[in-house]
């Protein structure tokens, strides 16, 4: 077995990416440099360990998902991760 750690993320295209970066810059200027405030804009899909023997299946599944070029996202509030150390 060859176990690797996977961190799956959706990275938004321009102009969303650039707008989020500008918002993060304003946030840093207003509230200071906080943990993760300089991270690249993304939506985390998952963080897990998996045997590389199954990687072909993962790639096939993600390739099918990548056919969806457009989706809408709406912020409806803010909360915290209970397991967050930040």
Protein backbone atom coordinates (compact mmCIF):
# COMPACT_ATOMS: atom_id res chain seq x y z
CA UNK A 1 0.00 0.00 0.00
CA UNK A 2 1.12 3.51 -0.85
CA UNK A 3 -0.95 6.00 1.18
CA UNK A 4 -0.91 9.68 0.21
CA UNK A 5 -2.68 12.74 1.58
CA UNK A 6 -5.06 14.48 -0.83
CA UNK A 7 -6.31 18.05 -0.54
CA UNK A 8 -9.02 18.68 -3.13
CA UNK A 9 -9.89 22.30 -3.91
CA UNK A 10 -11.93 24.30 -6.39
CA UNK A 11 -10.07 27.42 -7.49
CA UNK A 12 -12.40 30.05 -8.97
CA UNK A 13 -11.52 31.59 -12.33
CA UNK A 14 -11.14 35.31 -13.01
CA UNK A 15 -12.77 37.66 -12.26
CA UNK A 16 -13.94 35.91 -9.05
CA UNK A 17 -10.37 34.95 -8.09
CA UNK A 18 -9.16 38.55 -8.47
CA UNK A 19 -12.16 39.97 -6.61
CA UNK A 20 -11.58 37.63 -3.66
CA UNK A 21 -7.88 38.58 -3.59
CA UNK A 22 -8.85 42.28 -3.50
CA UNK A 23 -11.30 41.58 -0.66
CA UNK A 24 -8.63 39.68 1.27
CA UNK A 25 -6.19 42.57 0.79
CA UNK A 26 -8.77 45.02 2.17
CA UNK A 27 -9.45 42.63 5.05
CA UNK A 28 -5.72 42.49 5.93
CA UNK A 29 -5.41 46.29 5.73
CA UNK A 30 -8.45 46.70 8.01
CA UNK A 31 -8.03 43.88 10.54
CA UNK A 32 -4.38 42.88 10.21
CA UNK A 33 -2.59 39.83 8.89
CA UNK A 34 -4.36 36.80 10.35
CA UNK A 35 -3.69 33.09 9.85
CA UNK A 36 -4.85 32.00 6.39
CA UNK A 37 -5.66 35.58 5.32
CA UNK A 38 -3.07 35.30 2.53
CA UNK A 39 -4.26 31.92 1.28
CA UNK A 40 -5.25 31.68 -2.37
CA UNK A 41 -9.00 31.85 -3.04
CA UNK A 42 -10.47 28.33 -3.07
CA UNK A 43 -13.24 26.07 -1.84
CA UNK A 44 -11.98 22.97 -0.07
CA UNK A 45 -13.76 19.82 -1.21
CA UNK A 46 -11.91 17.41 0.99
CA UNK A 47 -8.73 16.52 2.82
CA UNK A 48 -8.10 12.80 3.22
CA UNK A 49 -5.62 9.93 3.02
CA UNK A 50 -6.07 7.31 0.34
CA UNK A 51 -4.23 4.35 -1.14
CA UNK A 52 -2.79 5.44 -4.50
CA UNK A 53 -4.22 2.25 -6.00
CA UNK A 54 -7.58 4.09 -6.06
CA UNK A 55 -6.20 7.28 -7.61
CA UNK A 56 -7.40 6.31 -11.10
CA UNK A 57 -10.99 6.18 -9.81
CA UNK A 58 -10.59 9.54 -8.10
CA UNK A 59 -9.24 11.15 -11.26
CA UNK A 60 -12.09 9.68 -13.32
CA UNK A 61 -14.67 11.03 -10.86
CA UNK A 62 -13.08 14.48 -10.68
CA UNK A 63 -12.78 14.62 -14.48
CA UNK A 64 -16.54 14.10 -14.71
CA UNK A 65 -17.10 16.90 -12.17
CA UNK A 66 -14.81 19.23 -14.10
CA UNK A 67 -17.32 19.25 -16.98
CA UNK A 68 -19.45 21.60 -14.86
CA UNK A 69 -17.92 24.94 -15.84
CA UNK A 70 -20.37 27.26 -14.08
CA UNK A 71 -22.11 27.21 -10.75
CA UNK A 72 -23.55 29.83 -8.44
CA UNK A 73 -22.53 30.36 -4.86
CA UNK A 74 -24.21 32.56 -2.28
CA UNK A 75 -22.91 33.57 1.15
CA UNK A 76 -25.74 33.29 3.65
CA UNK A 77 -23.81 33.90 6.85
CA UNK A 78 -20.59 33.33 8.71
CA UNK A 79 -19.57 30.76 11.26
CA UNK A 80 -16.46 29.02 12.59
CA UNK A 81 -15.05 25.53 12.33
CA UNK A 82 -15.28 23.95 15.77
CA UNK A 83 -12.03 22.05 15.12
CA UNK A 84 -10.17 25.12 13.85
CA UNK A 85 -6.98 26.07 15.67
CA UNK A 86 -6.84 29.51 14.04
